[in-house]
N, C-alpha and C. Protein backbone atom coordinates (compact mmCIF):
# COMPACT_ATOMS: atom_id res chain seq x y z
N MET A 1 32.14 48.14 3.28
CA MET A 1 31.79 46.85 3.88
C MET A 1 31.94 46.94 5.41
N THR A 2 30.91 46.54 6.14
CA THR A 2 30.96 46.58 7.59
C THR A 2 31.81 45.44 8.13
N PRO A 3 32.26 45.53 9.39
CA PRO A 3 33.03 44.42 9.98
C PRO A 3 32.26 43.10 9.95
N LYS A 4 30.94 43.18 10.16
CA LYS A 4 30.13 41.96 10.13
C LYS A 4 30.11 41.36 8.74
N GLN A 5 29.95 42.19 7.72
CA GLN A 5 29.94 41.71 6.35
C GLN A 5 31.28 41.10 5.97
N LEU A 6 32.36 41.74 6.40
CA LEU A 6 33.71 41.23 6.12
C LEU A 6 33.92 39.89 6.81
N SER A 7 33.41 39.78 8.04
CA SER A 7 33.53 38.52 8.77
C SER A 7 32.76 37.41 8.07
N TYR A 8 31.54 37.72 7.62
CA TYR A 8 30.74 36.74 6.88
C TYR A 8 31.51 36.25 5.64
N GLU A 9 32.11 37.18 4.92
CA GLU A 9 32.82 36.83 3.69
C GLU A 9 34.00 35.91 3.97
N LYS A 10 34.75 36.20 5.02
CA LYS A 10 35.91 35.37 5.36
C LYS A 10 35.47 34.00 5.87
N THR A 11 34.41 33.99 6.68
CA THR A 11 33.88 32.72 7.18
C THR A 11 33.39 31.85 6.03
N ALA A 12 32.67 32.46 5.10
CA ALA A 12 32.16 31.72 3.95
C ALA A 12 33.29 31.14 3.11
N ALA A 13 34.37 31.91 2.95
CA ALA A 13 35.51 31.42 2.17
C ALA A 13 36.10 30.16 2.79
N THR A 14 36.16 30.12 4.12
CA THR A 14 36.66 28.93 4.81
C THR A 14 35.75 27.74 4.58
N ILE A 15 34.45 27.97 4.70
CA ILE A 15 33.48 26.89 4.52
C ILE A 15 33.51 26.37 3.09
N ILE A 16 33.56 27.29 2.12
CA ILE A 16 33.57 26.89 0.71
C ILE A 16 34.79 26.02 0.40
N LYS A 17 35.92 26.38 0.96
CA LYS A 17 37.14 25.57 0.77
C LYS A 17 36.94 24.17 1.34
N ASN A 18 36.29 24.08 2.48
CA ASN A 18 36.07 22.77 3.10
C ASN A 18 34.97 21.98 2.40
N LEU A 19 34.00 22.66 1.82
CA LEU A 19 32.98 21.97 1.02
C LEU A 19 33.63 21.28 -0.17
N ALA A 20 34.61 21.94 -0.78
CA ALA A 20 35.26 21.39 -1.96
C ALA A 20 35.92 20.05 -1.68
N LYS A 21 36.53 19.92 -0.51
CA LYS A 21 37.18 18.65 -0.19
C LYS A 21 36.15 17.55 0.08
N ARG A 22 34.90 17.97 0.27
CA ARG A 22 33.81 17.01 0.50
C ARG A 22 32.99 16.80 -0.78
N GLN A 23 33.54 17.22 -1.92
CA GLN A 23 32.92 17.07 -3.24
C GLN A 23 31.61 17.84 -3.38
N MET A 24 31.50 18.95 -2.63
CA MET A 24 30.34 19.83 -2.74
C MET A 24 30.80 21.20 -3.25
N GLU A 25 29.96 21.84 -4.05
CA GLU A 25 30.27 23.17 -4.54
C GLU A 25 29.76 24.22 -3.56
N GLY A 26 30.53 25.28 -3.37
CA GLY A 26 30.11 26.34 -2.47
C GLY A 26 30.23 27.70 -3.13
N TYR A 27 29.29 28.59 -2.80
CA TYR A 27 29.28 29.95 -3.32
C TYR A 27 28.90 30.90 -2.18
N TYR A 28 29.35 32.13 -2.28
CA TYR A 28 28.94 33.14 -1.29
C TYR A 28 28.34 34.34 -2.00
N CYS A 29 27.20 34.78 -1.51
CA CYS A 29 26.54 35.99 -2.01
C CYS A 29 26.26 36.90 -0.82
N PRO A 30 26.52 38.20 -0.94
CA PRO A 30 26.35 39.11 0.20
C PRO A 30 24.92 39.37 0.61
N ASP A 31 23.97 39.12 -0.29
CA ASP A 31 22.57 39.39 0.04
C ASP A 31 21.65 38.45 -0.72
N SER A 32 20.36 38.49 -0.36
CA SER A 32 19.39 37.58 -0.96
C SER A 32 19.22 37.80 -2.45
N ALA A 33 19.22 39.06 -2.88
CA ALA A 33 19.01 39.35 -4.30
C ALA A 33 20.07 38.69 -5.16
N SER A 34 21.33 38.82 -4.76
CA SER A 34 22.41 38.20 -5.55
C SER A 34 22.40 36.68 -5.40
N ALA A 35 21.95 36.19 -4.24
CA ALA A 35 21.87 34.74 -4.04
C ALA A 35 20.81 34.12 -4.95
N VAL A 36 19.68 34.80 -5.09
CA VAL A 36 18.63 34.31 -5.98
C VAL A 36 19.13 34.27 -7.42
N GLN A 37 19.81 35.31 -7.85
CA GLN A 37 20.35 35.34 -9.21
C GLN A 37 21.38 34.24 -9.42
N LYS A 38 22.19 33.97 -8.40
CA LYS A 38 23.17 32.89 -8.50
C LYS A 38 22.47 31.55 -8.63
N ALA A 39 21.45 31.33 -7.81
CA ALA A 39 20.71 30.07 -7.86
C ALA A 39 20.08 29.86 -9.23
N LEU A 40 19.45 30.90 -9.77
CA LEU A 40 18.80 30.80 -11.07
C LEU A 40 19.82 30.52 -12.17
N SER A 41 21.03 31.08 -12.03
CA SER A 41 22.06 30.86 -13.05
C SER A 41 22.55 29.42 -13.08
N LEU A 42 22.37 28.70 -11.98
CA LEU A 42 22.82 27.32 -11.89
C LEU A 42 21.80 26.33 -12.44
N MET A 43 20.57 26.81 -12.69
CA MET A 43 19.49 25.92 -13.13
C MET A 43 19.05 26.31 -14.54
N PRO A 44 19.39 25.51 -15.54
CA PRO A 44 19.03 25.83 -16.92
C PRO A 44 17.51 25.91 -17.11
N GLU A 45 17.07 26.72 -18.06
CA GLU A 45 15.65 26.81 -18.40
C GLU A 45 15.12 25.43 -18.77
N GLY A 46 13.92 25.15 -18.31
CA GLY A 46 13.29 23.87 -18.60
C GLY A 46 13.60 22.79 -17.58
N SER A 47 14.48 23.08 -16.62
CA SER A 47 14.81 22.10 -15.58
C SER A 47 13.57 21.79 -14.74
N SER A 48 13.47 20.54 -14.30
CA SER A 48 12.41 20.17 -13.36
C SER A 48 12.90 20.46 -11.94
N ILE A 49 12.08 21.17 -11.18
CA ILE A 49 12.50 21.66 -9.87
C ILE A 49 11.47 21.32 -8.81
N ALA A 50 11.96 20.77 -7.70
CA ALA A 50 11.14 20.50 -6.53
C ALA A 50 11.83 21.12 -5.32
N TRP A 51 11.19 21.06 -4.17
CA TRP A 51 11.78 21.68 -2.99
C TRP A 51 11.25 21.07 -1.70
N GLY A 52 12.02 21.27 -0.63
CA GLY A 52 11.59 20.88 0.70
C GLY A 52 11.16 22.12 1.45
N GLY A 53 10.35 21.93 2.49
CA GLY A 53 9.87 23.07 3.27
C GLY A 53 11.03 23.88 3.81
N SER A 54 11.01 25.20 3.56
CA SER A 54 12.12 26.04 4.00
C SER A 54 11.70 27.50 4.04
N MET A 55 11.82 28.12 5.21
CA MET A 55 11.56 29.56 5.32
C MET A 55 12.66 30.35 4.62
N SER A 56 13.87 29.81 4.56
CA SER A 56 14.98 30.50 3.90
C SER A 56 14.70 30.70 2.41
N LEU A 57 14.13 29.69 1.77
CA LEU A 57 13.79 29.80 0.35
C LEU A 57 12.74 30.87 0.12
N ILE A 58 11.80 30.97 1.06
CA ILE A 58 10.74 31.97 0.95
C ILE A 58 11.28 33.36 1.29
N ASP A 59 12.00 33.47 2.41
CA ASP A 59 12.52 34.77 2.85
C ASP A 59 13.44 35.41 1.82
N SER A 60 14.23 34.58 1.15
CA SER A 60 15.20 35.10 0.18
C SER A 60 14.56 35.56 -1.12
N GLY A 61 13.36 35.06 -1.41
CA GLY A 61 12.69 35.36 -2.66
C GLY A 61 12.93 34.31 -3.74
N LEU A 62 13.69 33.26 -3.41
CA LEU A 62 13.99 32.24 -4.41
C LEU A 62 12.74 31.48 -4.85
N MET A 63 11.86 31.16 -3.90
CA MET A 63 10.67 30.40 -4.27
C MET A 63 9.81 31.18 -5.27
N ALA A 64 9.63 32.47 -5.03
CA ALA A 64 8.82 33.28 -5.93
C ALA A 64 9.47 33.34 -7.32
N ALA A 65 10.79 33.46 -7.35
CA ALA A 65 11.51 33.54 -8.63
C ALA A 65 11.40 32.24 -9.41
N VAL A 66 11.50 31.11 -8.72
CA VAL A 66 11.43 29.82 -9.38
C VAL A 66 10.02 29.57 -9.93
N LYS A 67 9.01 29.89 -9.12
CA LYS A 67 7.63 29.62 -9.54
C LYS A 67 7.21 30.47 -10.74
N SER A 68 7.85 31.62 -10.91
CA SER A 68 7.52 32.49 -12.03
C SER A 68 8.52 32.33 -13.19
N GLY A 69 9.46 31.40 -13.03
CA GLY A 69 10.51 31.22 -14.03
C GLY A 69 10.20 30.16 -15.06
N PRO A 70 11.09 29.96 -16.01
CA PRO A 70 10.89 29.01 -17.12
C PRO A 70 11.28 27.58 -16.73
N TYR A 71 10.60 27.05 -15.71
CA TYR A 71 10.96 25.74 -15.19
C TYR A 71 9.75 24.81 -15.14
N GLN A 72 10.03 23.51 -15.04
CA GLN A 72 8.98 22.53 -14.80
C GLN A 72 8.85 22.37 -13.28
N ILE A 73 7.79 22.89 -12.72
CA ILE A 73 7.62 22.92 -11.28
C ILE A 73 6.94 21.65 -10.78
N ILE A 74 7.54 21.03 -9.77
CA ILE A 74 6.93 19.87 -9.10
C ILE A 74 6.51 20.34 -7.71
N ASP A 75 5.26 20.72 -7.59
CA ASP A 75 4.75 21.32 -6.35
C ASP A 75 3.93 20.31 -5.57
N ARG A 76 4.46 19.87 -4.45
CA ARG A 76 3.76 18.84 -3.67
C ARG A 76 2.44 19.38 -3.10
N ASP A 77 2.30 20.70 -3.01
CA ASP A 77 1.06 21.27 -2.47
C ASP A 77 -0.13 21.05 -3.38
N ARG A 78 0.12 20.66 -4.63
CA ARG A 78 -1.00 20.44 -5.53
C ARG A 78 -1.62 19.05 -5.37
N ALA A 79 -0.98 18.20 -4.58
CA ALA A 79 -1.52 16.86 -4.34
C ALA A 79 -2.73 16.94 -3.42
N LYS A 80 -3.81 16.32 -3.82
CA LYS A 80 -5.05 16.34 -3.04
C LYS A 80 -5.34 15.03 -2.33
N THR A 81 -4.67 13.96 -2.75
CA THR A 81 -4.90 12.64 -2.16
C THR A 81 -3.56 11.97 -1.89
N PRO A 82 -3.54 10.95 -1.04
CA PRO A 82 -2.30 10.21 -0.80
C PRO A 82 -1.73 9.62 -2.08
N GLU A 83 -2.60 9.19 -3.00
CA GLU A 83 -2.14 8.62 -4.25
C GLU A 83 -1.43 9.68 -5.10
N GLU A 84 -2.00 10.89 -5.13
CA GLU A 84 -1.38 11.98 -5.89
C GLU A 84 -0.04 12.36 -5.26
N MET A 85 0.02 12.37 -3.94
CA MET A 85 1.27 12.69 -3.25
C MET A 85 2.35 11.66 -3.58
N LYS A 86 1.97 10.40 -3.63
CA LYS A 86 2.91 9.34 -3.95
C LYS A 86 3.49 9.54 -5.35
N LYS A 87 2.64 9.92 -6.30
CA LYS A 87 3.10 10.16 -7.68
C LYS A 87 4.03 11.37 -7.74
N LEU A 88 3.70 12.40 -6.96
CA LEU A 88 4.54 13.60 -6.96
C LEU A 88 5.92 13.30 -6.38
N TYR A 89 5.96 12.52 -5.32
CA TYR A 89 7.26 12.18 -4.73
C TYR A 89 8.10 11.36 -5.71
N ALA A 90 7.44 10.55 -6.52
CA ALA A 90 8.17 9.80 -7.55
C ALA A 90 8.78 10.75 -8.57
N GLU A 91 8.09 11.84 -8.86
CA GLU A 91 8.63 12.86 -9.76
C GLU A 91 9.80 13.59 -9.13
N VAL A 92 9.70 13.85 -7.82
CA VAL A 92 10.78 14.55 -7.12
C VAL A 92 12.07 13.74 -7.17
N VAL A 93 11.96 12.43 -6.99
CA VAL A 93 13.14 11.56 -7.02
C VAL A 93 13.90 11.71 -8.33
N CYS A 94 13.17 11.93 -9.42
CA CYS A 94 13.79 12.03 -10.74
C CYS A 94 13.99 13.47 -11.20
N SER A 95 13.80 14.44 -10.30
CA SER A 95 13.90 15.85 -10.70
C SER A 95 15.33 16.26 -10.98
N ASP A 96 15.48 17.36 -11.72
CA ASP A 96 16.80 17.89 -12.03
C ASP A 96 17.40 18.63 -10.83
N TYR A 97 16.54 19.35 -10.11
CA TYR A 97 17.02 20.14 -8.96
C TYR A 97 16.06 20.02 -7.78
N PHE A 98 16.62 19.81 -6.61
CA PHE A 98 15.84 19.82 -5.37
C PHE A 98 16.36 20.97 -4.53
N LEU A 99 15.49 21.91 -4.19
CA LEU A 99 15.89 23.09 -3.43
C LEU A 99 15.58 22.92 -1.96
N MET A 100 16.47 23.38 -1.11
CA MET A 100 16.26 23.31 0.33
C MET A 100 17.23 24.26 1.02
N SER A 101 17.07 24.41 2.31
CA SER A 101 18.10 25.07 3.10
C SER A 101 18.76 23.95 3.91
N THR A 102 19.59 24.31 4.85
CA THR A 102 20.14 23.33 5.78
C THR A 102 19.92 23.89 7.17
N ASN A 103 19.64 23.02 8.12
CA ASN A 103 19.39 23.50 9.48
C ASN A 103 20.64 24.08 10.12
N ALA A 104 21.80 23.56 9.70
CA ALA A 104 23.08 24.09 10.18
C ALA A 104 24.18 23.64 9.22
N ILE A 105 25.27 24.39 9.20
CA ILE A 105 26.45 24.00 8.42
C ILE A 105 27.68 24.32 9.25
N THR A 106 28.59 23.36 9.35
CA THR A 106 29.78 23.57 10.18
C THR A 106 30.86 24.33 9.42
N MET A 107 31.79 24.88 10.16
CA MET A 107 32.92 25.57 9.55
C MET A 107 33.72 24.62 8.66
N ASP A 108 33.64 23.33 8.96
CA ASP A 108 34.38 22.34 8.18
C ASP A 108 33.57 21.80 7.00
N GLY A 109 32.37 22.36 6.77
CA GLY A 109 31.61 22.00 5.58
C GLY A 109 30.63 20.85 5.72
N GLU A 110 30.32 20.43 6.94
CA GLU A 110 29.34 19.37 7.14
C GLU A 110 27.94 19.98 7.24
N LEU A 111 26.96 19.28 6.66
CA LEU A 111 25.57 19.75 6.69
C LEU A 111 24.81 19.00 7.78
N ILE A 112 24.06 19.73 8.59
CA ILE A 112 23.30 19.15 9.69
C ILE A 112 21.82 19.39 9.44
N ASN A 113 21.03 18.31 9.44
CA ASN A 113 19.59 18.45 9.22
C ASN A 113 18.79 17.49 10.09
N ILE A 114 17.67 17.99 10.59
CA ILE A 114 16.72 17.17 11.34
C ILE A 114 15.38 17.26 10.62
N ASP A 115 14.71 16.12 10.46
CA ASP A 115 13.48 16.08 9.68
C ASP A 115 12.41 15.29 10.41
N GLY A 116 11.16 15.64 10.15
CA GLY A 116 10.05 14.95 10.79
C GLY A 116 9.68 13.66 10.10
N ARG A 117 9.23 13.75 8.84
CA ARG A 117 8.86 12.56 8.08
C ARG A 117 10.04 11.98 7.32
N GLY A 118 11.04 12.80 7.05
CA GLY A 118 12.24 12.30 6.39
C GLY A 118 12.32 12.54 4.90
N ASN A 119 11.25 13.10 4.30
CA ASN A 119 11.27 13.27 2.84
C ASN A 119 12.33 14.28 2.40
N ARG A 120 12.53 15.35 3.16
CA ARG A 120 13.50 16.37 2.77
C ARG A 120 14.92 15.80 2.80
N VAL A 121 15.28 15.14 3.90
CA VAL A 121 16.64 14.59 4.00
C VAL A 121 16.82 13.40 3.07
N ALA A 122 15.74 12.71 2.75
CA ALA A 122 15.84 11.58 1.81
C ALA A 122 16.30 12.08 0.45
N PHE A 123 15.73 13.19 -0.02
CA PHE A 123 16.10 13.73 -1.33
C PHE A 123 17.46 14.40 -1.29
N LEU A 124 17.87 14.88 -0.13
CA LEU A 124 19.23 15.38 0.03
C LEU A 124 20.22 14.23 -0.18
N CYS A 125 19.92 13.09 0.39
CA CYS A 125 20.83 11.95 0.34
C CYS A 125 20.83 11.25 -1.02
N TYR A 126 19.66 11.18 -1.65
CA TYR A 126 19.59 10.36 -2.86
C TYR A 126 18.41 10.80 -3.73
N GLY A 127 18.57 10.68 -5.04
CA GLY A 127 17.45 10.91 -5.95
C GLY A 127 17.70 12.02 -6.95
N PRO A 128 17.26 13.24 -6.66
CA PRO A 128 17.40 14.35 -7.62
C PRO A 128 18.84 14.50 -8.12
N SER A 129 18.97 14.90 -9.38
CA SER A 129 20.31 15.03 -9.99
C SER A 129 21.16 16.06 -9.27
N ASN A 130 20.52 17.13 -8.81
CA ASN A 130 21.24 18.20 -8.10
C ASN A 130 20.44 18.62 -6.87
N VAL A 131 21.16 18.93 -5.81
CA VAL A 131 20.55 19.50 -4.61
C VAL A 131 21.15 20.89 -4.43
N LEU A 132 20.29 21.91 -4.43
CA LEU A 132 20.74 23.29 -4.29
C LEU A 132 20.29 23.81 -2.94
N ILE A 133 21.27 24.12 -2.10
CA ILE A 133 21.01 24.57 -0.73
C ILE A 133 21.31 26.06 -0.61
N LEU A 134 20.36 26.80 -0.07
CA LEU A 134 20.54 28.23 0.19
C LEU A 134 20.44 28.45 1.69
N ALA A 135 21.48 29.03 2.28
CA ALA A 135 21.51 29.17 3.74
C ALA A 135 22.11 30.49 4.16
N GLY A 136 21.42 31.17 5.08
CA GLY A 136 21.96 32.39 5.66
C GLY A 136 23.12 32.06 6.58
N MET A 137 23.95 33.04 6.85
CA MET A 137 25.12 32.83 7.69
C MET A 137 24.75 32.59 9.16
N ASN A 138 23.50 32.81 9.51
CA ASN A 138 23.03 32.46 10.85
C ASN A 138 23.01 30.96 11.08
N LYS A 139 23.15 30.17 10.01
CA LYS A 139 23.13 28.70 10.14
C LYS A 139 24.52 28.12 10.43
N VAL A 140 25.55 28.97 10.42
CA VAL A 140 26.93 28.48 10.60
C VAL A 140 27.21 28.15 12.06
N VAL A 141 27.82 26.98 12.29
CA VAL A 141 28.20 26.54 13.63
C VAL A 141 29.64 26.04 13.61
N SER A 142 30.19 25.83 14.78
CA SER A 142 31.61 25.43 14.85
C SER A 142 31.83 23.96 14.52
N ASP A 143 30.90 23.09 14.95
CA ASP A 143 31.12 21.65 14.75
C ASP A 143 29.78 20.92 14.73
N VAL A 144 29.83 19.61 14.52
CA VAL A 144 28.61 18.81 14.41
C VAL A 144 27.76 18.84 15.67
N PRO A 145 28.32 18.61 16.88
CA PRO A 145 27.48 18.65 18.08
C PRO A 145 26.78 20.00 18.25
N SER A 146 27.48 21.10 18.00
CA SER A 146 26.83 22.41 18.14
C SER A 146 25.79 22.61 17.04
N GLY A 147 25.98 21.91 15.91
CA GLY A 147 24.99 21.98 14.84
C GLY A 147 23.68 21.34 15.25
N PHE A 148 23.75 20.15 15.81
CA PHE A 148 22.53 19.50 16.27
C PHE A 148 21.89 20.27 17.42
N LYS A 149 22.71 20.86 18.28
CA LYS A 149 22.17 21.66 19.37
C LYS A 149 21.45 22.89 18.81
N ARG A 150 22.04 23.50 17.79
CA ARG A 150 21.39 24.66 17.17
C ARG A 150 20.02 24.29 16.62
N VAL A 151 19.96 23.17 15.91
CA VAL A 151 18.70 22.76 15.31
C VAL A 151 17.64 22.51 16.38
N ARG A 152 18.02 21.81 17.44
CA ARG A 152 17.05 21.42 18.45
C ARG A 152 16.58 22.60 19.29
N ASP A 153 17.49 23.51 19.64
CA ASP A 153 17.14 24.59 20.56
C ASP A 153 16.80 25.92 19.88
N ILE A 154 17.25 26.12 18.64
CA ILE A 154 17.01 27.39 17.96
C ILE A 154 16.04 27.26 16.80
N ALA A 155 16.25 26.25 15.95
CA ALA A 155 15.43 26.12 14.74
C ALA A 155 14.10 25.42 14.97
N THR A 156 14.10 24.36 15.76
CA THR A 156 12.90 23.54 15.89
C THR A 156 11.75 24.23 16.62
N PRO A 157 11.97 24.91 17.75
CA PRO A 157 10.83 25.54 18.43
C PRO A 157 10.01 26.48 17.56
N PRO A 158 10.62 27.43 16.81
CA PRO A 158 9.79 28.28 15.95
C PRO A 158 9.15 27.52 14.80
N ASN A 159 9.78 26.45 14.33
CA ASN A 159 9.17 25.65 13.27
C ASN A 159 7.93 24.92 13.77
N THR A 160 7.97 24.42 14.99
CA THR A 160 6.78 23.75 15.53
C THR A 160 5.65 24.75 15.71
N THR A 161 6.00 25.97 16.09
CA THR A 161 4.98 27.02 16.22
C THR A 161 4.40 27.36 14.85
N ARG A 162 5.27 27.50 13.85
CA ARG A 162 4.82 27.82 12.49
C ARG A 162 3.91 26.74 11.94
N LEU A 163 4.20 25.49 12.27
CA LEU A 163 3.43 24.36 11.75
C LEU A 163 2.26 23.96 12.65
N ASN A 164 2.05 24.74 13.72
CA ASN A 164 0.96 24.47 14.68
C ASN A 164 1.06 23.08 15.29
N LYS A 165 2.28 22.71 15.67
CA LYS A 165 2.51 21.41 16.29
C LYS A 165 2.36 21.50 17.81
N ASN A 166 1.78 20.48 18.38
CA ASN A 166 1.59 20.42 19.83
C ASN A 166 2.75 19.64 20.44
N THR A 167 3.88 20.32 20.62
CA THR A 167 5.07 19.68 21.18
C THR A 167 5.56 20.46 22.40
N PRO A 168 6.33 19.82 23.26
CA PRO A 168 6.87 20.55 24.42
C PRO A 168 7.70 21.77 24.04
N CYS A 169 8.48 21.66 22.96
CA CYS A 169 9.34 22.79 22.58
C CYS A 169 8.53 23.99 22.11
N ALA A 170 7.32 23.74 21.61
CA ALA A 170 6.46 24.84 21.20
C ALA A 170 5.99 25.64 22.40
N VAL A 171 6.05 25.00 23.58
CA VAL A 171 5.63 25.66 24.82
C VAL A 171 6.81 26.26 25.56
N THR A 172 7.90 25.48 25.67
CA THR A 172 9.04 25.92 26.48
C THR A 172 10.07 26.71 25.69
N GLY A 173 10.08 26.55 24.36
CA GLY A 173 11.06 27.24 23.54
C GLY A 173 12.40 26.54 23.44
N ARG A 174 12.49 25.32 23.95
CA ARG A 174 13.73 24.55 23.84
C ARG A 174 13.40 23.07 23.68
N CYS A 175 14.34 22.33 23.12
CA CYS A 175 14.12 20.90 22.90
C CYS A 175 13.96 20.16 24.23
N GLU A 176 12.94 19.32 24.31
CA GLU A 176 12.72 18.49 25.49
C GLU A 176 12.95 17.01 25.17
N ASN A 177 13.56 16.73 24.02
CA ASN A 177 13.84 15.36 23.60
C ASN A 177 12.57 14.50 23.67
N CYS A 178 11.50 15.02 23.09
CA CYS A 178 10.19 14.39 23.25
C CYS A 178 9.94 13.27 22.24
N PHE A 179 8.88 12.51 22.53
CA PHE A 179 8.35 11.51 21.60
C PHE A 179 6.89 11.84 21.32
N SER A 180 6.58 13.12 21.30
CA SER A 180 5.23 13.59 21.06
C SER A 180 4.74 13.13 19.68
N PRO A 181 3.43 12.88 19.54
CA PRO A 181 2.89 12.53 18.22
C PRO A 181 3.18 13.60 17.17
N ASP A 182 3.34 14.84 17.60
CA ASP A 182 3.61 15.93 16.68
C ASP A 182 5.10 16.22 16.51
N CYS A 183 5.95 15.42 17.10
CA CYS A 183 7.40 15.65 17.04
C CYS A 183 7.88 15.76 15.59
N ILE A 184 8.70 16.77 15.31
CA ILE A 184 9.25 16.92 13.96
C ILE A 184 10.74 16.56 13.92
N CYS A 185 11.20 15.87 14.94
CA CYS A 185 12.62 15.47 15.03
C CYS A 185 12.75 13.95 14.97
N SER A 186 12.50 13.38 13.80
CA SER A 186 12.56 11.92 13.64
C SER A 186 13.88 11.46 13.05
N GLN A 187 14.37 12.21 12.07
CA GLN A 187 15.60 11.82 11.36
C GLN A 187 16.69 12.86 11.62
N PHE A 188 17.85 12.39 12.11
CA PHE A 188 19.01 13.25 12.33
C PHE A 188 20.05 12.87 11.28
N VAL A 189 20.36 13.79 10.37
CA VAL A 189 21.26 13.47 9.25
C VAL A 189 22.43 14.45 9.21
N MET A 190 23.64 13.90 9.19
CA MET A 190 24.84 14.69 8.99
C MET A 190 25.44 14.29 7.65
N THR A 191 25.54 15.25 6.73
CA THR A 191 26.10 14.98 5.42
C THR A 191 27.58 15.31 5.44
N ARG A 192 28.39 14.26 5.38
CA ARG A 192 29.85 14.41 5.48
C ARG A 192 30.46 14.78 4.14
N ARG A 193 29.90 14.24 3.05
CA ARG A 193 30.41 14.52 1.70
C ARG A 193 29.33 14.16 0.69
N SER A 194 29.52 14.60 -0.54
CA SER A 194 28.63 14.21 -1.62
C SER A 194 29.26 13.04 -2.36
N GLY A 195 28.54 11.93 -2.43
CA GLY A 195 29.07 10.76 -3.12
C GLY A 195 29.27 11.03 -4.61
N ILE A 196 28.44 11.92 -5.16
CA ILE A 196 28.56 12.33 -6.57
C ILE A 196 29.16 13.73 -6.58
N PRO A 197 30.35 13.90 -7.14
CA PRO A 197 30.99 15.21 -7.13
C PRO A 197 30.10 16.31 -7.72
N GLY A 198 29.94 17.38 -6.95
CA GLY A 198 29.19 18.53 -7.43
C GLY A 198 27.68 18.42 -7.38
N ARG A 199 27.15 17.28 -6.94
CA ARG A 199 25.69 17.13 -6.88
C ARG A 199 25.09 18.12 -5.89
N ILE A 200 25.73 18.31 -4.75
CA ILE A 200 25.23 19.23 -3.73
C ILE A 200 25.93 20.57 -3.90
N LYS A 201 25.12 21.61 -4.05
CA LYS A 201 25.63 22.96 -4.22
C LYS A 201 25.09 23.84 -3.10
N VAL A 202 25.96 24.56 -2.43
CA VAL A 202 25.58 25.37 -1.27
C VAL A 202 25.83 26.84 -1.57
N ILE A 203 24.78 27.64 -1.47
CA ILE A 203 24.91 29.09 -1.60
C ILE A 203 24.77 29.70 -0.21
N LEU A 204 25.85 30.26 0.30
CA LEU A 204 25.83 30.94 1.58
C LEU A 204 25.48 32.40 1.35
N VAL A 205 24.59 32.94 2.19
CA VAL A 205 24.10 34.31 2.02
C VAL A 205 24.47 35.14 3.24
N GLY A 206 25.00 36.32 2.99
CA GLY A 206 25.44 37.19 4.08
C GLY A 206 24.32 37.89 4.80
N GLU A 207 23.27 37.15 5.13
CA GLU A 207 22.12 37.65 5.87
C GLU A 207 21.62 36.55 6.81
N GLU A 208 20.71 36.91 7.69
CA GLU A 208 20.04 35.91 8.51
C GLU A 208 18.75 35.52 7.80
N LEU A 209 18.64 34.24 7.48
CA LEU A 209 17.48 33.72 6.76
C LEU A 209 16.92 32.52 7.49
N GLY A 210 15.60 32.43 7.56
CA GLY A 210 14.96 31.27 8.17
C GLY A 210 15.26 31.16 9.65
N TYR A 211 15.15 29.91 10.15
CA TYR A 211 15.31 29.66 11.59
C TYR A 211 16.60 28.91 11.86
């Protein structure tokens, strides 16, 4: 085990302990392959599964595993009209599992997320029976203010580029606190605890995943 891997393991142990006091479950996996297997083990066959946009889910291989697995998939990409999208979101609210990453997680176990339309953070806060979060150790920050700073200056600029958004941060590479029509920073959500014990499950991965 390298010093970096050992550091990740110790850091994750601290976070997992703090997640527990916030009624959230925490797990640590050293790599994406083991993280995907852990995630799949938490979701029984036949479960209905939806997800929020996340490069971490794609980079880790979890999305591919879920789509080819024995699950009821609720894929918002199959909606062709606003009416179909509305029906799909109604299914997501009642789903067994909602998959996502988190934009940042503090050493004390708080989750930091910024969203454009708010659908991802809405399902984190309420609806699906379980929320399963997969996050690389690159998402770890010391506290809430540094978490929001990380999201705005590190995560958001590449996401606006990926989504072809015309925002100042897509040009300058840093948050300009804009009100652009393409702004993806509408909702700022800090999750202090899970109101339902164990509803939120966090898998920390000893790799850099997503933005």
